[in-house]
Structures are given as structure tokens and as C-alpha cells.
Protein backbone atom coordinates (compact mmCIF):
# COMPACT_ATOMS: atom_id res chain seq x y z
CA MET A 1 26.39 45.08 18.15
CA LYS A 2 23.65 46.00 20.83
CA LYS A 3 20.96 46.14 17.53
CA ASN A 4 22.12 42.37 17.02
CA ASN A 5 22.18 41.86 20.62
CA GLN A 6 18.04 43.13 20.23
CA ASN A 7 17.34 41.00 17.78
CA GLY A 8 19.15 37.69 19.02
CA ILE A 9 16.77 38.58 22.39
CA PHE A 10 13.73 39.17 20.34
CA LEU A 11 14.23 36.10 18.54
CA LEU A 12 15.08 34.18 21.83
CA ILE A 13 11.76 36.03 23.40
CA ASN A 14 9.82 34.60 20.09
CA LYS A 15 11.07 31.06 20.09
CA LYS A 16 10.18 30.78 24.11
CA PHE A 17 6.79 31.85 23.48
CA THR A 18 6.43 29.51 20.15
CA TYR A 19 7.39 26.72 22.53
CA LEU A 20 5.30 27.46 25.24
CA LEU A 21 2.06 28.01 22.91
CA ALA A 22 3.37 24.48 21.36
CA LEU A 23 3.30 23.55 25.14
CA ILE A 24 -0.22 24.68 25.77
CA PHE A 25 -1.14 22.84 22.95
CA ALA A 26 -0.17 19.72 23.36
CA SER A 27 -1.12 20.24 27.68
CA THR A 28 -4.57 20.72 26.52
CA LEU A 29 -4.84 17.64 23.81
CA PHE A 30 -3.07 15.59 26.71
CA PHE A 31 -5.31 16.29 28.90
CA SER A 32 -8.55 16.03 27.03
CA CYS A 33 -7.62 12.54 26.29
CA ASP A 34 -6.91 11.86 29.55
CA THR A 35 -10.16 13.04 31.12
CA ASP A 36 -12.27 11.24 28.23
CA ASP A 37 -9.81 7.65 28.56
CA GLU A 38 -11.04 8.40 32.70
CA LEU A 39 -15.17 8.81 32.33
CA PRO A 40 -16.95 6.25 33.84
CA THR A 41 -18.80 3.91 31.98
CA SER A 42 -21.95 3.39 32.73
CA CYS A 43 -24.69 0.67 31.56
CA PRO A 44 -27.80 1.35 29.96
CA ASN A 45 -31.32 0.95 31.51
CA VAL A 46 -32.58 -2.49 30.41
CA GLU A 47 -35.78 -4.17 30.63
CA ILE A 48 -35.91 -7.24 32.15
CA LEU A 49 -38.78 -9.01 30.57
CA GLY A 50 -40.81 -11.28 32.66
CA TYR A 51 -44.62 -13.62 32.40
CA ASN A 52 -45.94 -13.61 36.09
CA ILE A 53 -47.64 -17.20 35.82
CA GLU A 54 -50.65 -18.09 38.15
CA GLN A 55 -52.62 -21.11 38.87
CA GLY A 56 -55.98 -21.94 37.33
CA ALA A 57 -56.29 -18.38 35.80
CA LEU A 58 -57.06 -18.22 31.63
CA THR A 59 -53.93 -15.34 31.31
CA GLY A 60 -50.58 -14.29 33.33
CA ASN A 61 -48.77 -11.14 33.32
CA PHE A 62 -46.11 -9.82 31.07
CA GLY A 63 -44.18 -7.42 33.05
CA THR A 64 -40.93 -5.57 33.07
CA SER A 65 -38.34 -4.72 35.52
CA LEU A 66 -35.91 -1.99 34.90
CA ASN A 67 -31.70 -3.22 36.11
CA SER A 68 -31.27 -0.41 37.09
CA LEU A 69 -33.43 -1.51 40.48
CA SER A 70 -31.68 -2.27 43.46
CA ILE A 71 -34.40 -5.22 43.75
CA PRO A 72 -36.53 -6.00 40.23
CA ASN A 73 -40.02 -4.78 40.72
CA PHE A 74 -42.06 -5.90 37.86
CA THR A 75 -45.17 -3.49 36.27
CA VAL A 76 -47.35 -5.54 34.23
CA LEU A 77 -48.00 -4.31 30.92
CA THR A 78 -50.52 -6.37 29.76
CA ALA A 79 -52.59 -9.43 30.28
CA VAL A 80 -51.57 -12.71 28.22
CA PRO A 81 -53.01 -15.53 27.17
CA GLN A 82 -51.77 -18.45 29.91
CA PRO A 83 -50.64 -21.68 28.17
CA VAL A 84 -49.97 -24.02 30.99
CA SER A 85 -51.39 -24.89 34.20
CA PHE A 86 -49.01 -23.73 36.55
CA GLN A 87 -47.92 -27.75 37.57
CA SER A 88 -46.37 -27.62 34.13
CA SER A 89 -42.83 -26.71 34.67
CA GLY A 90 -40.34 -26.31 31.97
CA THR A 91 -41.71 -22.67 31.24
CA ASN A 92 -38.42 -21.41 32.46
CA ASN A 93 -37.04 -20.24 28.85
CA ALA A 94 -37.30 -17.02 26.78
CA VAL A 95 -35.53 -14.72 24.49
CA PHE A 96 -36.36 -11.51 23.35
CA ASN A 97 -35.66 -10.85 19.37
CA PRO A 98 -34.77 -7.72 18.81
CA SER A 99 -35.17 -7.95 15.01
CA THR A 100 -39.37 -8.93 15.48
CA ASN A 101 -39.67 -6.88 18.95
CA GLU A 102 -40.94 -9.94 20.39
CA TYR A 103 -40.78 -11.52 23.50
CA VAL A 104 -40.59 -15.32 22.84
CA LEU A 105 -42.10 -17.98 25.75
CA VAL A 106 -41.48 -21.62 25.68
CA SER A 107 -44.07 -23.66 27.54
CA ALA A 108 -42.07 -26.97 26.92
CA GLU A 109 -44.34 -30.11 28.73
CA ARG A 110 -47.69 -28.34 26.90
CA GLY A 111 -45.73 -27.82 23.34
CA LEU A 112 -46.70 -24.33 23.31
CA VAL A 113 -44.45 -20.73 22.56
CA THR A 114 -45.98 -17.10 24.00
CA LYS A 115 -45.14 -14.37 21.62
CA VAL A 116 -45.76 -10.78 23.03
CA ASN A 117 -45.14 -8.08 20.36
CA THR A 118 -43.54 -5.36 22.79
CA LEU A 119 -44.38 -2.25 20.65
CA THR A 120 -47.88 -3.32 20.98
CA ASN A 121 -48.24 -5.83 23.45
CA VAL A 122 -50.34 -8.36 21.39
CA SER A 123 -49.83 -11.58 22.84
CA THR A 124 -50.46 -14.97 20.47
CA VAL A 125 -49.77 -18.47 21.38
CA ILE A 126 -48.89 -20.95 18.94
CA PRO A 127 -48.41 -24.89 18.84
CA ILE A 128 -44.77 -26.33 18.46
CA PRO A 129 -45.09 -29.02 15.43
CA ALA A 130 -42.39 -30.67 16.81
CA TYR A 131 -43.53 -31.54 19.96
CA SER A 132 -45.05 -34.91 21.19
CA SER A 133 -46.60 -36.22 24.07
CA THR A 134 -47.98 -39.52 22.92
CA SER A 135 -47.12 -43.20 24.18
CA VAL A 136 -45.25 -43.80 20.39
CA LEU A 137 -42.97 -40.48 20.88
CA TYR A 138 -41.98 -38.12 23.74
CA ARG A 139 -39.92 -34.89 22.07
CA VAL A 140 -40.03 -31.85 24.02
CA VAL A 141 -38.72 -28.12 22.90
CA ASN A 142 -37.41 -25.64 24.74
CA ALA A 143 -34.36 -23.16 25.21
CA PRO A 144 -34.65 -19.99 22.95
CA VAL A 145 -31.28 -18.68 21.95
CA ILE A 146 -30.46 -16.04 19.35
CA VAL A 147 -26.92 -16.22 17.46
CA GLY A 148 -25.73 -14.23 15.00
CA GLY A 149 -29.38 -12.95 14.22
CA ASN A 150 -30.92 -16.63 14.08
CA LEU A 151 -33.47 -18.14 16.20
CA TYR A 152 -32.72 -21.55 17.36
CA TYR A 153 -34.47 -24.39 19.64
CA GLY A 154 -33.51 -26.84 21.94
CA CYS A 155 -34.97 -30.46 21.05
CA TYR A 156 -34.91 -33.95 23.29
CA ASP A 157 -36.32 -36.90 21.72
CA PHE A 158 -36.80 -38.98 24.88
CA THR A 159 -38.21 -42.02 23.14
CA ASN A 160 -35.71 -42.09 20.66
CA GLN A 161 -32.93 -40.35 23.10
CA LEU A 162 -31.91 -38.35 19.63
CA PHE A 163 -30.88 -34.27 20.60
CA SER A 164 -31.53 -31.89 17.77
CA LEU A 165 -31.10 -28.40 17.11
CA LEU A 166 -34.76 -26.86 15.41
CA ASP A 167 -34.89 -23.18 13.49
CA SER A 168 -37.00 -20.41 13.95
CA ASN A 169 -39.97 -21.99 12.52
CA PHE A 170 -39.21 -25.25 14.24
CA ASN A 171 -37.90 -27.72 11.81
CA ILE A 172 -35.24 -30.24 12.88
CA ILE A 173 -31.79 -29.28 10.95
CA PRO A 174 -30.64 -33.13 10.24
CA ALA A 175 -27.26 -32.64 10.61
CA SER A 176 -27.65 -31.27 14.52
CA THR A 177 -29.32 -34.58 15.58
CA THR A 178 -26.76 -36.34 17.88
CA ALA A 179 -27.79 -39.47 20.03
CA ILE A 180 -27.71 -39.17 23.96
CA ALA A 181 -28.49 -41.78 26.22
CA GLN A 182 -31.23 -41.11 28.58
CA THR A 183 -29.45 -42.97 31.20
CA THR A 184 -26.93 -40.88 31.03
CA LEU A 185 -28.30 -37.58 32.09
CA GLU A 186 -28.66 -37.65 35.85
CA GLY A 187 -30.19 -34.88 37.51
CA TYR A 188 -34.01 -33.92 37.74
CA ASN A 189 -36.30 -32.92 35.34
CA SER A 190 -34.18 -32.99 31.97
CA GLN A 191 -37.54 -31.09 29.95
CA THR A 192 -36.33 -27.94 31.14
CA PHE A 193 -32.73 -27.47 30.02
CA THR A 194 -31.40 -24.51 28.99
CA ALA A 195 -29.29 -22.89 26.55
CA ALA A 196 -26.65 -19.90 26.53
CA THR A 197 -24.76 -18.40 23.87
CA ASN A 198 -21.33 -16.30 23.19
CA GLY A 199 -23.66 -14.80 20.29
CA ILE A 200 -21.31 -15.50 17.98
CA ASN A 201 -21.03 -18.83 16.09
CA THR A 202 -21.76 -21.29 19.73
CA ILE A 203 -24.81 -22.72 21.46
CA TYR A 204 -24.26 -24.74 24.53
CA PHE A 205 -27.42 -26.34 25.87
CA LEU A 206 -27.33 -27.80 29.56
CA MET A 207 -29.36 -30.91 30.29
CA GLY A 208 -28.81 -32.67 33.58
CA ASN A 209 -25.25 -32.70 34.11
CA ARG A 210 -24.09 -32.81 30.55
CA ILE A 211 -23.37 -29.34 28.54
CA ILE A 212 -24.25 -30.31 24.60
CA ARG A 213 -22.51 -27.74 22.16
CA TYR A 214 -23.43 -26.52 18.45
CA ASN A 215 -20.92 -24.54 16.20
CA THR A 216 -23.43 -22.63 14.20
CA ALA A 217 -20.98 -21.55 11.18
CA THR A 218 -21.40 -25.38 10.47
CA ILE A 219 -23.68 -27.04 11.72
CA GLY A 220 -23.15 -30.56 12.49
CA ALA A 221 -23.49 -32.83 15.19
CA ALA A 222 -22.91 -31.55 18.94
CA ILE A 223 -19.84 -32.05 21.15
CA VAL A 224 -21.38 -33.49 24.17
CA SER A 225 -19.65 -33.24 27.72
CA ALA A 226 -18.94 -36.17 29.63
CA ALA A 227 -20.84 -36.35 33.47
CA ILE A 228 -19.62 -32.98 35.34
CA THR A 229 -18.25 -34.40 38.50
CA PRO A 230 -20.81 -33.92 41.07
CA PRO A 231 -19.77 -32.83 44.59
CA THR A 232 -19.19 -35.80 47.61
CA GLY A 233 -22.29 -36.85 49.17
CA SER A 234 -24.83 -35.21 46.63
CA SER A 235 -27.84 -37.17 45.56
CA ILE A 236 -28.57 -38.66 42.72
CA GLY A 237 -31.03 -35.80 42.17
CA LEU A 238 -27.97 -32.96 41.84
CA SER A 239 -29.17 -30.78 38.83
CA TYR A 240 -27.16 -28.29 36.94
CA ILE A 241 -29.66 -26.40 36.04
CA SER A 242 -30.19 -21.71 34.70
CA LEU A 243 -27.17 -21.63 32.20
CA GLU A 244 -26.01 -18.31 31.32
CA PHE A 245 -23.14 -17.23 29.43
CA LYS A 246 -20.59 -15.33 31.34
CA GLN A 247 -17.23 -15.10 28.54
CA GLY A 248 -15.05 -16.85 26.93
CA ASN A 249 -15.03 -20.21 27.59
CA THR A 250 -17.14 -19.23 30.86
CA LEU A 251 -20.72 -20.27 31.80
CA TYR A 252 -22.42 -19.43 34.99
CA ALA A 253 -25.04 -22.26 36.01
CA MET A 254 -26.76 -22.80 39.75
CA MET A 255 -26.28 -26.20 41.03
CA GLU A 256 -29.53 -27.53 43.13
CA ASP A 257 -29.33 -31.11 45.23
CA ALA A 258 -32.66 -32.10 45.34
CA GLY A 259 -33.55 -31.99 49.61
CA VAL A 260 -30.32 -29.85 50.23
CA SER A 261 -31.63 -26.06 51.33
CA ASN A 262 -28.49 -24.10 49.72
CA SER A 263 -28.47 -24.08 46.40
CA LYS A 264 -25.54 -22.60 44.32
CA LEU A 265 -24.33 -20.81 41.29
CA VAL A 266 -21.50 -21.90 39.95
CA GLU A 267 -18.70 -21.33 37.30
CA LEU A 268 -18.68 -24.51 33.91
CA ASN A 269 -15.08 -23.96 32.74
CA VAL A 270 -15.72 -25.65 29.07
CA SER A 271 -12.32 -25.03 27.33
CA ASN A 272 -12.48 -28.46 26.77
CA PRO A 273 -15.63 -29.45 25.61
CA LEU A 274 -15.67 -33.04 26.94
CA ILE A 275 -14.53 -32.39 29.89
CA ILE A 276 -16.25 -29.46 32.11
CA THR A 277 -14.66 -28.29 35.14
CA LYS A 278 -16.92 -26.97 37.78
CA THR A 279 -15.79 -23.88 40.28
CA ASP A 280 -18.59 -22.95 43.19
CA ILE A 281 -19.21 -19.25 43.09
CA LEU A 282 -21.86 -18.37 45.95
CA THR A 283 -24.53 -20.23 48.37
CA LEU A 284 -27.27 -18.76 47.72
CA GLY A 285 -29.30 -19.90 51.28
CA PHE A 286 -32.54 -21.25 49.77
CA GLU A 287 -33.29 -23.53 47.01
CA VAL A 288 -34.05 -23.54 43.61
CA ASN A 289 -37.11 -25.35 42.41
CA PRO A 290 -35.60 -27.58 39.51
CA GLU A 291 -39.04 -27.12 37.58
CA PHE A 292 -39.98 -23.77 38.10
CA TYR A 293 -37.58 -21.35 38.06
CA SER A 294 -35.92 -18.97 35.41
CA SER A 295 -32.77 -16.95 35.54
CA VAL A 296 -31.11 -13.80 33.23
CA TYR A 297 -27.43 -12.71 33.48
CA ASP A 298 -26.67 -8.82 33.22
CA ASP A 299 -23.46 -8.77 31.87
CA CYS A 300 -22.90 -4.92 31.19
CA ASN A 301 -23.61 -4.53 35.38
CA LYS A 302 -22.35 -8.15 36.23
CA VAL A 303 -25.65 -9.05 37.92
CA PHE A 304 -27.35 -12.56 37.81
CA TYR A 305 -31.00 -12.91 38.41
CA VAL A 306 -33.10 -15.69 39.39
CA SER A 307 -36.57 -16.39 40.37
CA THR A 308 -37.98 -19.11 41.89
CA LEU A 309 -40.98 -20.53 43.93
CA GLN A 310 -40.67 -19.96 47.96
CA GLY A 311 -38.85 -22.46 50.21
CA ILE A 312 -38.77 -25.00 47.00
CA SER A 313 -42.56 -25.80 47.39
CA GLY A 314 -44.17 -22.70 48.46
CA TYR A 315 -47.05 -22.77 45.86
CA PRO A 316 -48.36 -20.67 44.75
CA ASN A 317 -45.97 -17.40 45.21
CA GLY A 318 -42.52 -17.14 43.90
CA GLN A 319 -39.00 -14.83 44.54
CA ILE A 320 -36.38 -13.63 42.50
CA SER A 321 -33.25 -12.61 43.92
CA LYS A 322 -30.85 -10.49 42.88
CA ILE A 323 -26.55 -11.59 43.16
CA ASP A 324 -23.62 -8.61 42.34
CA LEU A 325 -20.89 -10.44 40.49
CA SER A 326 -18.56 -7.09 40.17
CA GLY A 327 -16.88 -7.70 42.51
CA THR A 328 -16.89 -10.67 45.63
CA PRO A 329 -19.96 -12.38 44.66
CA THR A 330 -23.04 -11.14 47.11
CA LEU A 331 -26.53 -11.69 47.36
CA VAL A 332 -27.90 -7.75 47.20
CA GLY A 333 -31.76 -8.67 47.89
CA THR A 334 -34.70 -11.26 47.62
CA THR A 335 -38.12 -9.81 46.63
CA LEU A 336 -40.97 -11.90 47.29
CA THR A 337 -43.69 -12.06 44.27
CA THR A 338 -47.11 -13.20 44.22
CA PHE A 339 -46.87 -16.27 41.91
CA VAL A 340 -43.77 -16.66 40.10
CA GLU A 341 -41.84 -15.07 37.75
CA LEU A 342 -40.65 -17.30 35.15
CA GLY A 343 -38.95 -16.77 30.99
CA LEU A 344 -36.63 -13.99 32.29
CA THR A 345 -34.78 -12.35 29.85
CA LEU A 346 -33.45 -9.00 28.93
CA LYS A 347 -34.52 -7.11 26.06
CA GLU A 348 -31.46 -6.52 24.27
């Protein structure tokens, strides 16, 4: 009987020990997984690419700044051929093509594309064959955008009042051609229209006060929204510019009212592609020049950058501002620049 009691005690201790080991093992697994889940996610250092344009020079400066800097500070990488004189607007849009390692900048009112190979820093300037500026035909190409690895451009024929999608070789995609009367495009300087994409199958162009939407999975005629309702008391020169993709059915843009020294960052809800609703996000405290400006949105850090002239007409110098959108929208700071940083885009 005593021996049986000893065996029982031994078995009880053995069971408890086994249970304790299992508990320690499970706890180790639990806390290891929990620690991994709680590791803070950090955004990678990504280069912001831009092109500093100088009045009257034969070259401009192609440079880079890191998104990790509190205030952008561009380092010149190379001097590149300058395709436009500074007075020409429509040099606001650029994109980085990761498949070719090229920075692609459009100068809409000159009908030229500047490409910089970011591996070799070799630049080329290419005429856009679809561009025309004659008494017979005025047609502008702008707003490069990459969707599903494919490069597209927007094109507006002011003479025939037609909007089209162009492929990477500047060929008009016939099925995309959509009639948009110029008289319905309120705002200033429609040549500087911009684009945004969800990166999957949708391209949004912002022209004047309308969103022009394409589905790249089955390219056909665009869906063109009604005019975005302007605020009460706004001038006829009010423009929506600088389109950026936020998430889902929400886009960022800037609202610029000619002669009003307070441009605004706004959200555009495009859930209904025909009726766009606008929400004011932040009053900038300065006016963005609708001809000479550029923007880029860093989705990981939730930061919006905008570059423009100082004091709207402060030729020849510019400024670049950083807006934190990770919480309460806040203007972090503004850096004054010599000349203007245009064609802002992320190298990703």
C-alpha cells in the first residue's frame, strides 16, 4: 500500500511537471507571436525625385530628397536638358517607371518628355508625336500614370474637345476617346491636368472641376463626373488641381481660387463616379500657383508634399511644403527653394 502511494505521488508529480513544461512552451509561443505582432511597422526610406527648373538656362537640375527628412532638401544628381522655358506651364507631372528605372517628366505645353535613367543619370528629351499646337489643332498630352506595370498618359484635344488615353508609345487608344466640352471645364489652365490611380485597374484624371475615370481592365469611354460643387462665393477661376490617390474611393486634391491667398487640401469621394463630394482637410495659408506646381503623396508615411512658386508669382524662386496626414492634418513646414521643384514623384 505504501509502495502504491509512492507510485501515485510519483505519477502526480510527473503529470504536473509535464503540464508545467507544456504551459511554458505554450507561453513562449504566445509571447513570441505577440511580440512580433506588436513590433512597430516602419516605412522605408524612399527617394522623392524632382526637377528644378531655372529660367532661361539650357539645363535644369534633376535631384532627390529622402521622405525621412523632416523638410525636403534636394541633392542634385545630374544636370539634364531643359525642355521648356520657365514661363511655360504644364511641367507639373512626372512618374517613376520601375521596369525601366526611368524618371519620366512631361512638359505639356511644349509637347516634350524628359526621361532620366536613374541608374546612369543619362537624360533624353523626346518629342510627343500626339502633341500639336497649330491653328488647325491644339492637343496636349500630360499626366503620366502607371497601372499594372503599364505606362499611360492623358490627352485633351482642345480643338475637337475630346479626351483620350494614350499608351506608353503615345498612341491614342481609340476606344478611350470621350467627348468633353471645354465650356464645361471651369477652372484655370486645363493643360496642367493631373492623374492618380489605385495601381490596379483605375485611372482618375482631374481636369478643371471634373474627374475623368478609366477602367484599364476593359478600356472604353471614360466616365466623366459632373462639376465638383464650388464653395459659396468662389470666383470663376477656382480650380481643383494636384490629384493624389489616398485609399479606396478617396482622392486628395488641392482647391485653388484665383486671387485668394489660401489654397486648401481637400478630399474627393469618388464612390459615385458621376457625383463627386468634397471635404475640406486643411487650409494651407498660401496660394498654390495653378500653372507652376507639383505634388506627391507618400502613402506609407501619410505625408503630402506640394511645391509651387513663392507667393504665387514669386518668380524665379519656389517653395516645397510637407503636410502630415497621419492624424490631425498639419502643415509640418515649408522649405524655400532656388527656382521651382517640379515633377515630384516617389522612386518606388
